[in-house]
Amino acid sequence: MSKQAIHTDNAPAAIGTYSQATTAAGEFVFLSGQIPLAPETMEIVDGDFAARARQVFTNLKVVAEAAGGSLDDAVKLTIFLTNLDNFATVNEVMAEFFTEPYPARAAVGVASLPKGVDVEADAILAL
């Protein structure tokens, strides 16, 4: 099996010991968790929860594209929320980025996330 790192300047740079995404044998792409950072500033985007969720999915989208795919190729999505009351808003924002058939998904309530954000998501693509 060959593993290759995926990188794009259109998404926030990795801030730790990880790649934005990796591909395994060119078929599966594993997108690292994205938080609502603007790639231009590496700062958390302004606005409400919906704006932050939208930035998370925008970041996933551009990393998927850098890997030669799209969010339509997503087969698994995990969303981490510090407040599960935001679940309905996540569904609304997801509808802007995904079409049926939707990927399998888990939403996980967590105590905290990097940089104090309230939402993070990662994905697995099948190309």
C-alpha atoms as a PDB file:
ATOM      1  CA  MET A   1       0.000   0.000   0.000  1.00  0.00           C
ATOM      2  CA  SER A   2       1.279   3.451  -0.846  1.00  0.00           C
ATOM      3  CA  LYS A   3       0.383   6.464   1.264  1.00  0.00           C
ATOM      4  CA  GLN A   4       0.589  10.032  -0.002  1.00  0.00           C
ATOM      5  CA  ALA A   5       0.003  13.338   1.773  1.00  0.00           C
ATOM      6  CA  ILE A   6      -2.440  15.823   0.243  1.00  0.00           C
ATOM      7  CA  HIS A   7      -1.942  19.578   0.722  1.00  0.00           C
ATOM      8  CA  THR A   8      -3.648  22.723  -0.518  1.00  0.00           C
ATOM      9  CA  ASP A   9      -3.042  26.360   0.355  1.00  0.00           C
ATOM     10  CA  ASN A  10      -6.826  26.884   0.015  1.00  0.00           C
ATOM     11  CA  ALA A  11      -7.399  25.231   3.411  1.00  0.00           C
ATOM     12  CA  PRO A  12      -5.803  25.982   6.762  1.00  0.00           C
ATOM     13  CA  ALA A  13      -2.279  24.639   7.103  1.00  0.00           C
ATOM     14  CA  ALA A  14      -1.772  21.725   9.460  1.00  0.00           C
ATOM     15  CA  ILE A  15      -1.012  23.031  12.946  1.00  0.00           C
ATOM     16  CA  GLY A  16       0.391  19.786  14.283  1.00  0.00           C
ATOM     17  CA  THR A  17       1.878  16.469  13.291  1.00  0.00           C
ATOM     18  CA  TYR A  18      -0.680  15.590  10.612  1.00  0.00           C
ATOM     19  CA  SER A  19      -1.461  16.109   6.928  1.00  0.00           C
ATOM     20  CA  GLN A  20      -4.559  17.880   5.638  1.00  0.00           C
ATOM     21  CA  ALA A  21      -5.383  14.531   4.043  1.00  0.00           C
ATOM     22  CA  THR A  22      -3.732  11.297   3.022  1.00  0.00           C
ATOM     23  CA  THR A  23      -4.593   8.837   0.311  1.00  0.00           C
ATOM     24  CA  ALA A  24      -4.137   5.096   0.458  1.00  0.00           C
ATOM     25  CA  ALA A  25      -3.461   3.403  -2.880  1.00  0.00           C
ATOM     26  CA  GLY A  26      -5.281   6.271  -4.608  1.00  0.00           C
ATOM     27  CA  GLU A  27      -8.718   4.865  -3.784  1.00  0.00           C
ATOM     28  CA  PHE A  28      -9.470   6.123  -0.285  1.00  0.00           C
ATOM     29  CA  VAL A  29      -8.716   9.628   0.948  1.00  0.00           C
ATOM     30  CA  PHE A  30      -8.767  10.383   4.661  1.00  0.00           C
ATOM     31  CA  LEU A  31      -9.413  14.064   5.378  1.00  0.00           C
ATOM     32  CA  SER A  32      -8.087  15.352   8.684  1.00  0.00           C
ATOM     33  CA  GLY A  33     -10.393  17.191  11.021  1.00  0.00           C
ATOM     34  CA  GLN A  34     -11.101  20.738   9.941  1.00  0.00           C
ATOM     35  CA  ILE A  35     -12.024  23.547  12.291  1.00  0.00           C
ATOM     36  CA  PRO A  36     -13.415  26.949  11.254  1.00  0.00           C
ATOM     37  CA  LEU A  37     -10.095  28.574  10.395  1.00  0.00           C
ATOM     38  CA  ALA A  38      -9.828  30.918   7.429  1.00  0.00           C
ATOM     39  CA  PRO A  39      -6.830  29.702   5.414  1.00  0.00           C
ATOM     40  CA  GLU A  40      -5.744  33.254   4.583  1.00  0.00           C
ATOM     41  CA  THR A  41      -5.378  34.328   8.207  1.00  0.00           C
ATOM     42  CA  MET A  42      -5.341  31.047  10.166  1.00  0.00           C
ATOM     43  CA  GLU A  43      -7.863  32.753  12.461  1.00  0.00           C
ATOM     44  CA  ILE A  44     -11.309  31.509  13.446  1.00  0.00           C
ATOM     45  CA  VAL A  45     -13.931  33.002  11.136  1.00  0.00           C
ATOM     46  CA  ASP A  46     -16.258  35.682  12.441  1.00  0.00           C
ATOM     47  CA  GLY A  47     -19.956  35.078  12.764  1.00  0.00           C
ATOM     48  CA  ASP A  48     -22.424  32.708  14.316  1.00  0.00           C
ATOM     49  CA  PHE A  49     -22.307  28.924  14.604  1.00  0.00           C
ATOM     50  CA  ALA A  50     -23.650  28.487  11.049  1.00  0.00           C
ATOM     51  CA  ALA A  51     -20.778  30.600   9.685  1.00  0.00           C
ATOM     52  CA  ARG A  52     -18.256  28.489  11.587  1.00  0.00           C
ATOM     53  CA  ALA A  53     -19.848  25.231  10.396  1.00  0.00           C
ATOM     54  CA  ARG A  54     -19.873  26.565   6.822  1.00  0.00           C
ATOM     55  CA  GLN A  55     -16.125  27.281   7.068  1.00  0.00           C
ATOM     56  CA  VAL A  56     -15.493  23.742   8.353  1.00  0.00           C
ATOM     57  CA  PHE A  57     -17.272  22.246   5.320  1.00  0.00           C
ATOM     58  CA  THR A  58     -15.598  24.715   2.956  1.00  0.00           C
ATOM     59  CA  ASN A  59     -12.222  23.587   4.311  1.00  0.00           C
ATOM     60  CA  LEU A  60     -13.169  19.918   3.843  1.00  0.00           C
ATOM     61  CA  LYS A  61     -14.374  20.709   0.302  1.00  0.00           C
ATOM     62  CA  VAL A  62     -11.114  22.299  -0.848  1.00  0.00           C
ATOM     63  CA  VAL A  63      -9.015  19.513   0.685  1.00  0.00           C
ATOM     64  CA  ALA A  64     -11.221  16.940  -1.072  1.00  0.00           C
ATOM     65  CA  GLU A  65     -10.692  18.816  -4.350  1.00  0.00           C
ATOM     66  CA  ALA A  66      -6.926  18.921  -3.787  1.00  0.00           C
ATOM     67  CA  ALA A  67      -7.064  15.135  -3.490  1.00  0.00           C
ATOM     68  CA  GLY A  68      -8.807  14.877  -6.865  1.00  0.00           C
ATOM     69  CA  GLY A  69     -12.298  14.357  -5.482  1.00  0.00           C
ATOM     70  CA  SER A  70     -15.238  16.223  -4.053  1.00  0.00           C
ATOM     71  CA  LEU A  71     -17.553  16.013  -1.088  1.00  0.00           C
ATOM     72  CA  ASP A  72     -19.817  13.895  -3.305  1.00  0.00           C
ATOM     73  CA  ASP A  73     -17.145  11.193  -2.865  1.00  0.00           C
ATOM     74  CA  ALA A  74     -17.506  11.254   0.932  1.00  0.00           C
ATOM     75  CA  VAL A  75     -18.528   7.876   2.336  1.00  0.00           C
ATOM     76  CA  LYS A  76     -18.027   8.692   6.033  1.00  0.00           C
ATOM     77  CA  LEU A  77     -18.206  11.937   7.945  1.00  0.00           C
ATOM     78  CA  THR A  78     -17.610  12.583  11.631  1.00  0.00           C
ATOM     79  CA  ILE A  79     -18.721  15.835  13.225  1.00  0.00           C
ATOM     80  CA  PHE A  80     -17.536  16.903  16.664  1.00  0.00           C
ATOM     81  CA  LEU A  81     -19.661  19.428  18.565  1.00  0.00           C
ATOM     82  CA  THR A  82     -19.102  21.021  21.952  1.00  0.00           C
ATOM     83  CA  ASN A  83     -22.852  21.721  22.113  1.00  0.00           C
ATOM     84  CA  LEU A  84     -25.231  19.146  20.635  1.00  0.00           C
ATOM     85  CA  ASP A  85     -27.928  21.839  20.516  1.00  0.00           C
ATOM     86  CA  ASN A  86     -26.149  22.925  17.300  1.00  0.00           C
ATOM     87  CA  PHE A  87     -26.984  19.622  15.589  1.00  0.00           C
ATOM     88  CA  ALA A  88     -29.948  21.022  13.613  1.00  0.00           C
ATOM     89  CA  THR A  89     -27.803  23.874  12.295  1.00  0.00           C
ATOM     90  CA  VAL A  90     -25.132  21.379  11.197  1.00  0.00           C
ATOM     91  CA  ASN A  91     -27.799  19.542   9.203  1.00  0.00           C
ATOM     92  CA  GLU A  92     -28.881  22.788   7.509  1.00  0.00           C
ATOM     93  CA  VAL A  93     -25.302  23.735   6.606  1.00  0.00           C
ATOM     94  CA  MET A  94     -24.485  20.194   5.433  1.00  0.00           C
ATOM     95  CA  ALA A  95     -27.355  20.441   2.938  1.00  0.00           C
ATOM     96  CA  GLU A  96     -25.418  23.262   1.236  1.00  0.00           C
ATOM     97  CA  PHE A  97     -22.403  20.989   0.641  1.00  0.00           C
ATOM     98  CA  PHE A  98     -23.692  17.416   0.239  1.00  0.00           C
ATOM     99  CA  THR A  99     -26.211  15.729  -2.047  1.00  0.00           C
ATOM    100  CA  GLU A 100     -27.932  12.379  -1.753  1.00  0.00           C
ATOM    101  CA  PRO A 101     -26.900   9.742  -1.192  1.00  0.00           C
ATOM    102  CA  TYR A 102     -25.410  11.327   1.906  1.00  0.00           C
ATOM    103  CA  PRO A 103     -22.318   9.840   3.553  1.00  0.00           C
ATOM    104  CA  ALA A 104     -22.589   7.755   6.682  1.00  0.00           C
ATOM    105  CA  ARG A 105     -22.164  10.109   9.612  1.00  0.00           C
ATOM    106  CA  ALA A 106     -21.552  10.306  13.311  1.00  0.00           C
ATOM    107  CA  ALA A 107     -22.066  13.396  15.440  1.00  0.00           C
ATOM    108  CA  VAL A 108     -20.104  13.317  18.653  1.00  0.00           C
ATOM    109  CA  GLY A 109     -20.492  15.617  21.634  1.00  0.00           C
ATOM    110  CA  VAL A 110     -17.108  16.559  23.062  1.00  0.00           C
ATOM    111  CA  ALA A 111     -15.898  18.685  25.970  1.00  0.00           C
ATOM    112  CA  SER A 112     -13.508  20.811  23.922  1.00  0.00           C
ATOM    113  CA  LEU A 113     -11.852  21.187  20.526  1.00  0.00           C
ATOM    114  CA  PRO A 114      -8.620  22.798  19.280  1.00  0.00           C
ATOM    115  CA  LYS A 115      -8.389  26.580  19.601  1.00  0.00           C
ATOM    116  CA  GLY A 116     -11.596  26.590  21.651  1.00  0.00           C
ATOM    117  CA  VAL A 117     -13.857  26.142  18.599  1.00  0.00           C
ATOM    118  CA  ASP A 118     -17.284  24.541  18.821  1.00  0.00           C
ATOM    119  CA  VAL A 119     -17.260  22.402  15.652  1.00  0.00           C
ATOM    120  CA  GLU A 120     -14.846  20.141  13.785  1.00  0.00           C
ATOM    121  CA  ALA A 121     -15.389  17.559  11.051  1.00  0.00           C
ATOM    122  CA  ASP A 122     -13.369  14.962   9.199  1.00  0.00           C
ATOM    123  CA  ALA A 123     -14.233  12.704   6.280  1.00  0.00           C
ATOM    124  CA  ILE A 124     -13.299   9.628   4.285  1.00  0.00           C
ATOM    125  CA  LEU A 125     -13.625   9.768   0.498  1.00  0.00           C
ATOM    126  CA  ALA A 126     -13.813   6.842  -1.918  1.00  0.00           C
ATOM    127  CA  LEU A 127     -12.514   7.923  -5.324  1.00  0.00           C
END
